Amino acid sequence: MFIVYVLYSERFDKIYIGYTSNLPERLRSHNELGKKGWTIRYRPWLLIHTETFETKQEALSREKELKNAKWRAWIRDALIPR
């Protein structure tokens, strides 16, 4: 099982979209364990959306779809807590 997830940094008003097969560990990496990469600069991250898929390919396709401008606008309008 693979999970596509959307994170939001309220402090910096940033969105991050990714996929994983181990969501709790991945969230821990984004918020605590990671020592390098884009997400460490915008901590803390809130999990605002998840979608589950049977295959890695399905998850990768959905992740790519969510990263386009139309879906990023949907994320901002529908998912970000205000």
PDB file of N, CA and C in Angstrom:
ATOM      1  N   MET A   1       0.845  -1.176   0.000  1.00  0.00           N
ATOM      2  CA  MET A   1       0.000   0.000   0.000  1.00  0.00           C
ATOM      3  C   MET A   1       0.892   1.242   0.000  1.00  0.00           C
ATOM      4  N   PHE A   2       0.494   2.234  -0.786  1.00  0.00           N
ATOM      5  CA  PHE A   2       1.241   3.484  -0.887  1.00  0.00           C
ATOM      6  C   PHE A   2       0.295   4.643  -0.597  1.00  0.00           C
ATOM      7  N   ILE A   3       0.827   5.655   0.035  1.00  0.00           N
ATOM      8  CA  ILE A   3       0.027   6.803   0.451  1.00  0.00           C
ATOM      9  C   ILE A   3       0.603   8.076  -0.162  1.00  0.00           C
ATOM     10  N   VAL A   4      -0.257   8.825  -0.838  1.00  0.00           N
ATOM     11  CA  VAL A   4       0.091  10.168  -1.294  1.00  0.00           C
ATOM     12  C   VAL A   4      -0.381  11.107  -0.196  1.00  0.00           C
ATOM     13  N   TYR A   5       0.475  12.047   0.175  1.00  0.00           N
ATOM     14  CA  TYR A   5       0.139  12.930   1.290  1.00  0.00           C
ATOM     15  C   TYR A   5       0.448  14.382   0.935  1.00  0.00           C
ATOM     16  N   VAL A   6      -0.271  15.265   1.614  1.00  0.00           N
ATOM     17  CA  VAL A   6      -0.051  16.700   1.452  1.00  0.00           C
ATOM     18  C   VAL A   6       0.244  17.267   2.828  1.00  0.00           C
ATOM     19  N   LEU A   7       1.365  17.981   2.910  1.00  0.00           N
ATOM     20  CA  LEU A   7       1.755  18.646   4.145  1.00  0.00           C
ATOM     21  C   LEU A   7       1.621  20.149   3.956  1.00  0.00           C
ATOM     22  N   TYR A   8       1.378  20.832   5.073  1.00  0.00           N
ATOM     23  CA  TYR A   8       1.275  22.286   5.025  1.00  0.00           C
ATOM     24  C   TYR A   8       2.080  22.888   6.163  1.00  0.00           C
ATOM     25  N   SER A   9       2.889  23.891   5.838  1.00  0.00           N
ATOM     26  CA  SER A   9       3.622  24.650   6.840  1.00  0.00           C
ATOM     27  C   SER A   9       2.893  25.969   7.039  1.00  0.00           C
ATOM     28  N   GLU A  10       2.171  26.051   8.124  1.00  0.00           N
ATOM     29  CA  GLU A  10       1.406  27.265   8.413  1.00  0.00           C
ATOM     30  C   GLU A  10       2.333  28.466   8.611  1.00  0.00           C
ATOM     31  N   ARG A  11       3.431  28.254   9.270  1.00  0.00           N
ATOM     32  CA  ARG A  11       4.379  29.325   9.568  1.00  0.00           C
ATOM     33  C   ARG A  11       4.913  29.990   8.299  1.00  0.00           C
ATOM     34  N   PHE A  12       5.159  29.185   7.261  1.00  0.00           N
ATOM     35  CA  PHE A  12       5.744  29.698   6.024  1.00  0.00           C
ATOM     36  C   PHE A  12       4.778  29.682   4.842  1.00  0.00           C
ATOM     37  N   ASP A  13       3.548  29.202   5.048  1.00  0.00           N
ATOM     38  CA  ASP A  13       2.538  29.091   4.002  1.00  0.00           C
ATOM     39  C   ASP A  13       3.058  28.299   2.800  1.00  0.00           C
ATOM     40  N   LYS A  14       3.635  27.132   3.084  1.00  0.00           N
ATOM     41  CA  LYS A  14       4.189  26.257   2.049  1.00  0.00           C
ATOM     42  C   LYS A  14       3.428  24.938   2.024  1.00  0.00           C
ATOM     43  N   ILE A  15       3.370  24.335   0.826  1.00  0.00           N
ATOM     44  CA  ILE A  15       2.749  23.029   0.611  1.00  0.00           C
ATOM     45  C   ILE A  15       3.827  22.057   0.162  1.00  0.00           C
ATOM     46  N   TYR A  16       3.742  20.819   0.646  1.00  0.00           N
ATOM     47  CA  TYR A  16       4.622  19.752   0.185  1.00  0.00           C
ATOM     48  C   TYR A  16       3.764  18.545  -0.157  1.00  0.00           C
ATOM     49  N   ILE A  17       4.014  17.943  -1.305  1.00  0.00           N
ATOM     50  CA  ILE A  17       3.267  16.767  -1.760  1.00  0.00           C
ATOM     51  C   ILE A  17       4.262  15.640  -1.978  1.00  0.00           C
ATOM     52  N   GLY A  18       3.955  14.464  -1.415  1.00  0.00           N
ATOM     53  CA  GLY A  18       4.851  13.331  -1.569  1.00  0.00           C
ATOM     54  C   GLY A  18       4.087  12.018  -1.501  1.00  0.00           C
ATOM     55  N   TYR A  19       4.832  10.911  -1.560  1.00  0.00           N
ATOM     56  CA  TYR A  19       4.219   9.595  -1.400  1.00  0.00           C
ATOM     57  C   TYR A  19       5.161   8.727  -0.573  1.00  0.00           C
ATOM     58  N   THR A  20       4.604   7.707   0.063  1.00  0.00           N
ATOM     59  CA  THR A  20       5.381   6.826   0.919  1.00  0.00           C
ATOM     60  C   THR A  20       4.632   5.518   1.135  1.00  0.00           C
ATOM     61  N   SER A  21       5.345   4.541   1.630  1.00  0.00           N
ATOM     62  CA  SER A  21       4.699   3.298   2.057  1.00  0.00           C
ATOM     63  C   SER A  21       4.665   3.216   3.581  1.00  0.00           C
ATOM     64  N   ASN A  22       5.240   4.214   4.262  1.00  0.00           N
ATOM     65  CA  ASN A  22       5.263   4.244   5.722  1.00  0.00           C
ATOM     66  C   ASN A  22       5.029   5.685   6.183  1.00  0.00           C
ATOM     67  N   LEU A  23       3.786   6.082   6.282  1.00  0.00           N
ATOM     68  CA  LEU A  23       3.446   7.479   6.577  1.00  0.00           C
ATOM     69  C   LEU A  23       3.952   7.952   7.938  1.00  0.00           C
ATOM     70  N   PRO A  24       3.757   7.209   9.026  1.00  0.00           N
ATOM     71  CA  PRO A  24       4.252   7.719  10.320  1.00  0.00           C
ATOM     72  C   PRO A  24       5.763   8.017  10.306  1.00  0.00           C
ATOM     73  N   GLU A  25       6.529   7.127   9.711  1.00  0.00           N
ATOM     74  CA  GLU A  25       7.985   7.337   9.652  1.00  0.00           C
ATOM     75  C   GLU A  25       8.344   8.504   8.731  1.00  0.00           C
ATOM     76  N   ARG A  26       7.622   8.645   7.649  1.00  0.00           N
ATOM     77  CA  ARG A  26       7.887   9.749   6.717  1.00  0.00           C
ATOM     78  C   ARG A  26       7.575  11.099   7.362  1.00  0.00           C
ATOM     79  N   LEU A  27       6.474  11.182   8.096  1.00  0.00           N
ATOM     80  CA  LEU A  27       6.136  12.427   8.792  1.00  0.00           C
ATOM     81  C   LEU A  27       7.190  12.762   9.840  1.00  0.00           C
ATOM     82  N   ARG A  28       7.647  11.740  10.534  1.00  0.00           N
ATOM     83  CA  ARG A  28       8.703  11.943  11.534  1.00  0.00           C
ATOM     84  C   ARG A  28       9.975  12.467  10.863  1.00  0.00           C
ATOM     85  N   SER A  29      10.279  11.947   9.702  1.00  0.00           N
ATOM     86  CA  SER A  29      11.443  12.407   8.958  1.00  0.00           C
ATOM     87  C   SER A  29      11.300  13.884   8.568  1.00  0.00           C
ATOM     88  N   HIS A  30      10.131  14.256   8.065  1.00  0.00           N
ATOM     89  CA  HIS A  30       9.911  15.656   7.675  1.00  0.00           C
ATOM     90  C   HIS A  30       9.996  16.600   8.865  1.00  0.00           C
ATOM     91  N   ASN A  31       9.464  16.201  10.006  1.00  0.00           N
ATOM     92  CA  ASN A  31       9.370  17.110  11.149  1.00  0.00           C
ATOM     93  C   ASN A  31      10.495  17.004  12.164  1.00  0.00           C
ATOM     94  N   GLU A  32      11.207  15.879  12.209  1.00  0.00           N
ATOM     95  CA  GLU A  32      12.204  15.712  13.265  1.00  0.00           C
ATOM     96  C   GLU A  32      13.558  15.196  12.797  1.00  0.00           C
ATOM     97  N   LEU A  33      13.556  14.119  12.029  1.00  0.00           N
ATOM     98  CA  LEU A  33      14.785  13.388  11.760  1.00  0.00           C
ATOM     99  C   LEU A  33      15.623  13.923  10.614  1.00  0.00           C
ATOM    100  N   GLY A  34      14.972  14.458   9.596  1.00  0.00           N
ATOM    101  CA  GLY A  34      15.693  14.902   8.408  1.00  0.00           C
ATOM    102  C   GLY A  34      16.739  15.951   8.716  1.00  0.00           C
ATOM    103  N   LYS A  35      17.900  15.811   8.098  1.00  0.00           N
ATOM    104  CA  LYS A  35      19.011  16.751   8.319  1.00  0.00           C
ATOM    105  C   LYS A  35      19.306  17.602   7.088  1.00  0.00           C
ATOM    106  N   LYS A  36      18.747  17.208   5.938  1.00  0.00           N
ATOM    107  CA  LYS A  36      18.964  17.988   4.722  1.00  0.00           C
ATOM    108  C   LYS A  36      17.714  17.895   3.859  1.00  0.00           C
ATOM    109  N   GLY A  37      17.613  18.792   2.897  1.00  0.00           N
ATOM    110  CA  GLY A  37      16.472  18.782   1.994  1.00  0.00           C
ATOM    111  C   GLY A  37      15.584  19.997   2.184  1.00  0.00           C
ATOM    112  N   TRP A  38      14.654  20.131   1.268  1.00  0.00           N
ATOM    113  CA  TRP A  38      13.781  21.302   1.216  1.00  0.00           C
ATOM    114  C   TRP A  38      12.873  21.405   2.436  1.00  0.00           C
ATOM    115  N   THR A  39      12.327  20.282   2.892  1.00  0.00           N
ATOM    116  CA  THR A  39      11.305  20.340   3.946  1.00  0.00           C
ATOM    117  C   THR A  39      11.837  20.748   5.305  1.00  0.00           C
ATOM    118  N   ILE A  40      13.122  20.573   5.569  1.00  0.00           N
ATOM    119  CA  ILE A  40      13.617  20.930   6.908  1.00  0.00           C
ATOM    120  C   ILE A  40      13.560  22.439   7.153  1.00  0.00           C
ATOM    121  N   ARG A  41      13.567  23.227   6.092  1.00  0.00           N
ATOM    122  CA  ARG A  41      13.547  24.689   6.238  1.00  0.00           C
ATOM    123  C   ARG A  41      12.195  25.243   6.659  1.00  0.00           C
ATOM    124  N   TYR A  42      11.138  24.457   6.479  1.00  0.00           N
ATOM    125  CA  TYR A  42       9.785  24.985   6.685  1.00  0.00           C
ATOM    126  C   TYR A  42       9.024  24.251   7.790  1.00  0.00           C
ATOM    127  N   ARG A  43       9.717  23.649   8.707  1.00  0.00           N
ATOM    128  CA  ARG A  43       9.087  22.951   9.825  1.00  0.00           C
ATOM    129  C   ARG A  43       8.374  23.927  10.737  1.00  0.00           C
ATOM    130  N   PRO A  44       7.341  23.517  11.423  1.00  0.00           N
ATOM    131  CA  PRO A  44       6.723  22.196  11.463  1.00  0.00           C
ATOM    132  C   PRO A  44       5.706  22.021  10.330  1.00  0.00           C
ATOM    133  N   TRP A  45       5.466  20.765   9.963  1.00  0.00           N
ATOM    134  CA  TRP A  45       4.518  20.399   8.913  1.00  0.00           C
ATOM    135  C   TRP A  45       3.271  19.775   9.516  1.00  0.00           C
ATOM    136  N   LEU A  46       2.115  20.160   8.963  1.00  0.00           N
ATOM    137  CA  LEU A  46       0.834  19.559   9.334  1.00  0.00           C
ATOM    138  C   LEU A  46       0.380  18.656   8.191  1.00  0.00           C
ATOM    139  N   LEU A  47      -0.084  17.474   8.517  1.00  0.00           N
ATOM    140  CA  LEU A  47      -0.652  16.575   7.510  1.00  0.00           C
ATOM    141  C   LEU A  47      -2.079  17.035   7.243  1.00  0.00           C
ATOM    142  N   ILE A  48      -2.377  17.433   5.996  1.00  0.00           N
ATOM    143  CA  ILE A  48      -3.716  17.951   5.701  1.00  0.00           C
ATOM    144  C   ILE A  48      -4.510  17.086   4.743  1.00  0.00           C
ATOM    145  N   HIS A  49      -3.859  16.075   4.128  1.00  0.00           N
ATOM    146  CA  HIS A  49      -4.589  15.241   3.168  1.00  0.00           C
ATOM    147  C   HIS A  49      -3.811  13.965   2.884  1.00  0.00           C
ATOM    148  N   THR A  50      -4.531  12.838   2.748  1.00  0.00           N
ATOM    149  CA  THR A  50      -3.920  11.576   2.325  1.00  0.00           C
ATOM    150  C   THR A  50      -4.839  10.855   1.351  1.00  0.00           C
ATOM    151  N   GLU A  51      -4.234  10.062   0.476  1.00  0.00           N
ATOM    152  CA  GLU A  51      -4.951   9.178  -0.444  1.00  0.00           C
ATOM    153  C   GLU A  51      -4.161   7.876  -0.516  1.00  0.00           C
ATOM    154  N   THR A  52      -4.852   6.733  -0.497  1.00  0.00           N
ATOM    155  CA  THR A  52      -4.204   5.426  -0.474  1.00  0.00           C
ATOM    156  C   THR A  52      -4.332   4.728  -1.822  1.00  0.00           C
ATOM    157  N   PHE A  53      -3.248   4.065  -2.233  1.00  0.00           N
ATOM    158  CA  PHE A  53      -3.199   3.366  -3.513  1.00  0.00           C
ATOM    159  C   PHE A  53      -2.579   1.989  -3.336  1.00  0.00           C
ATOM    160  N   GLU A  54      -2.974   1.073  -4.193  1.00  0.00           N
ATOM    161  CA  GLU A  54      -2.456  -0.302  -4.145  1.00  0.00           C
ATOM    162  C   GLU A  54      -1.040  -0.407  -4.696  1.00  0.00           C
ATOM    163  N   THR A  55      -0.725   0.387  -5.719  1.00  0.00           N
ATOM    164  CA  THR A  55       0.582   0.263  -6.353  1.00  0.00           C
ATOM    165  C   THR A  55       1.369   1.564  -6.281  1.00  0.00           C
ATOM    166  N   LYS A  56       2.677   1.406  -6.376  1.00  0.00           N
ATOM    167  CA  LYS A  56       3.566   2.561  -6.387  1.00  0.00           C
ATOM    168  C   LYS A  56       3.288   3.438  -7.610  1.00  0.00           C
ATOM    169  N   GLN A  57       3.036   2.822  -8.747  1.00  0.00           N
ATOM    170  CA  GLN A  57       2.780   3.583  -9.976  1.00  0.00           C
ATOM    171  C   GLN A  57       1.534   4.462  -9.841  1.00  0.00           C
ATOM    172  N   GLU A  58       0.468   3.919  -9.235  1.00  0.00           N
ATOM    173  CA  GLU A  58      -0.742   4.724  -9.018  1.00  0.00           C
ATOM    174  C   GLU A  58      -0.432   5.919  -8.119  1.00  0.00           C
ATOM    175  N   ALA A  59       0.335   5.677  -7.076  1.00  0.00           N
ATOM    176  CA  ALA A  59       0.689   6.758  -6.156  1.00  0.00           C
ATOM    177  C   ALA A  59       1.540   7.816  -6.852  1.00  0.00           C
ATOM    178  N   LEU A  60       2.512   7.390  -7.636  1.00  0.00           N
ATOM    179  CA  LEU A  60       3.359   8.343  -8.367  1.00  0.00           C
ATOM    180  C   LEU A  60       2.543   9.185  -9.349  1.00  0.00           C
ATOM    181  N   SER A  61       1.594   8.561 -10.030  1.00  0.00           N
ATOM    182  CA  SER A  61       0.736   9.297 -10.965  1.00  0.00           C
ATOM    183  C   SER A  61      -0.087  10.348 -10.240  1.00  0.00           C
ATOM    184  N   ARG A  62      -0.664   9.968  -9.115  1.00  0.00           N
ATOM    185  CA  ARG A  62      -1.480  10.922  -8.350  1.00  0.00           C
ATOM    186  C   ARG A  62      -0.622  12.037  -7.760  1.00  0.00           C
ATOM    187  N   GLU A  63       0.562  11.698  -7.274  1.00  0.00           N
ATOM    188  CA  GLU A  63       1.465  12.724  -6.751  1.00  0.00           C
ATOM    189  C   GLU A  63       1.775  13.750  -7.838  1.00  0.00           C
ATOM    190  N   LYS A  64       2.096  13.275  -9.030  1.00  0.00           N
ATOM    191  CA  LYS A  64       2.390  14.167 -10.150  1.00  0.00           C
ATOM    192  C   LYS A  64       1.180  15.033 -10.489  1.00  0.00           C
ATOM    193  N   GLU A  65       0.000  14.432 -10.481  1.00  0.00           N
ATOM    194  CA  GLU A  65      -1.226  15.172 -10.779  1.00  0.00           C
ATOM    195  C   GLU A  65      -1.456  16.282  -9.750  1.00  0.00           C
ATOM    196  N   LEU A  66      -1.280  15.967  -8.470  1.00  0.00           N
ATOM    197  CA  LEU A  66      -1.501  16.968  -7.415  1.00  0.00           C
ATOM    198  C   LEU A  66      -0.505  18.120  -7.481  1.00  0.00           C
ATOM    199  N   LYS A  67       0.634  17.885  -8.100  1.00  0.00           N
ATOM    200  CA  LYS A  67       1.656  18.927  -8.171  1.00  0.00           C
ATOM    201  C   LYS A  67       1.420  19.946  -9.279  1.00  0.00           C
ATOM    202  N   ASN A  68       0.408  19.725 -10.131  1.00  0.00           N
ATOM    203  CA  ASN A  68       0.163  20.722 -11.175  1.00  0.00           C
ATOM    204  C   ASN A  68      -0.625  21.906 -10.607  1.00  0.00           C
ATOM    205  N   ALA A  69      -0.665  22.995 -11.344  1.00  0.00           N
ATOM    206  CA  ALA A  69      -1.243  24.244 -10.846  1.00  0.00           C
ATOM    207  C   ALA A  69      -2.715  24.117 -10.450  1.00  0.00           C
ATOM    208  N   LYS A  70      -3.496  23.385 -11.232  1.00  0.00           N
ATOM    209  CA  LYS A  70      -4.925  23.230 -10.934  1.00  0.00           C
ATOM    210  C   LYS A  70      -5.133  22.584  -9.568  1.00  0.00           C
ATOM    211  N   TRP A  71      -4.411  21.494  -9.325  1.00  0.00           N
ATOM    212  CA  TRP A  71      -4.586  20.782  -8.060  1.00  0.00           C
ATOM    213  C   TRP A  71      -3.967  21.528  -6.894  1.00  0.00           C
ATOM    214  N   ARG A  72      -2.878  22.254  -7.120  1.00  0.00           N
ATOM    215  CA  ARG A  72      -2.317  23.073  -6.032  1.00  0.00           C
ATOM    216  C   ARG A  72      -3.320  24.149  -5.614  1.00  0.00           C
ATOM    217  N   ALA A  73      -4.031  24.713  -6.575  1.00  0.00           N
ATOM    218  CA  ALA A  73      -5.068  25.694  -6.244  1.00  0.00           C
ATOM    219  C   ALA A  73      -6.182  25.039  -5.438  1.00  0.00           C
ATOM    220  N   TRP A  74      -6.576  23.816  -5.808  1.00  0.00           N
ATOM    221  CA  TRP A  74      -7.591  23.082  -5.046  1.00  0.00           C
ATOM    222  C   TRP A  74      -7.117  22.839  -3.614  1.00  0.00           C
ATOM    223  N   ILE A  75      -5.853  22.456  -3.467  1.00  0.00           N
ATOM    224  CA  ILE A  75      -5.305  22.232  -2.126  1.00  0.00           C
ATOM    225  C   ILE A  75      -5.396  23.514  -1.313  1.00  0.00           C
ATOM    226  N   ARG A  76      -4.988  24.606  -1.889  1.00  0.00           N
ATOM    227  CA  ARG A  76      -5.030  25.890  -1.153  1.00  0.00           C
ATOM    228  C   ARG A  76      -6.466  26.283  -0.788  1.00  0.00           C
ATOM    229  N   ASP A  77      -7.406  26.083  -1.705  1.00  0.00           N
ATOM    230  CA  ASP A  77      -8.787  26.494  -1.473  1.00  0.00           C
ATOM    231  C   ASP A  77      -9.539  25.546  -0.531  1.00  0.00           C
ATOM    232  N   ALA A  78      -9.329  24.255  -0.684  1.00  0.00           N
ATOM    233  CA  ALA A  78     -10.158  23.281   0.017  1.00  0.00           C
ATOM    234  C   ALA A  78      -9.535  22.673   1.262  1.00  0.00           C
ATOM    235  N   LEU A  79      -8.224  22.612   1.332  1.00  0.00           N
ATOM    236  CA  LEU A  79      -7.602  21.833   2.395  1.00  0.00           C
ATOM    237  C   LEU A  79      -6.869  22.626   3.470  1.00  0.00           C
ATOM    238  N   ILE A  80      -6.360  23.786   3.114  1.00  0.00           N
ATOM    239  CA  ILE A  80      -5.542  24.525   4.081  1.00  0.00           C
ATOM    240  C   ILE A  80      -6.434  25.148   5.138  1.00  0.00           C
ATOM    241  N   PRO A  81      -6.113  24.841   6.406  1.00  0.00           N
ATOM    242  CA  PRO A  81      -6.920  25.419   7.498  1.00  0.00           C
ATOM    243  C   PRO A  81      -6.751  26.928   7.565  1.00  0.00           C
ATOM    244  N   ARG A  82      -7.856  27.601   7.698  1.00  0.00           N
ATOM    245  CA  ARG A  82      -7.832  29.081   7.809  1.00  0.00           C
ATOM    246  C   ARG A  82      -8.471  29.527   9.087  1.00  0.00           C
TER     247      ARG A  82
END
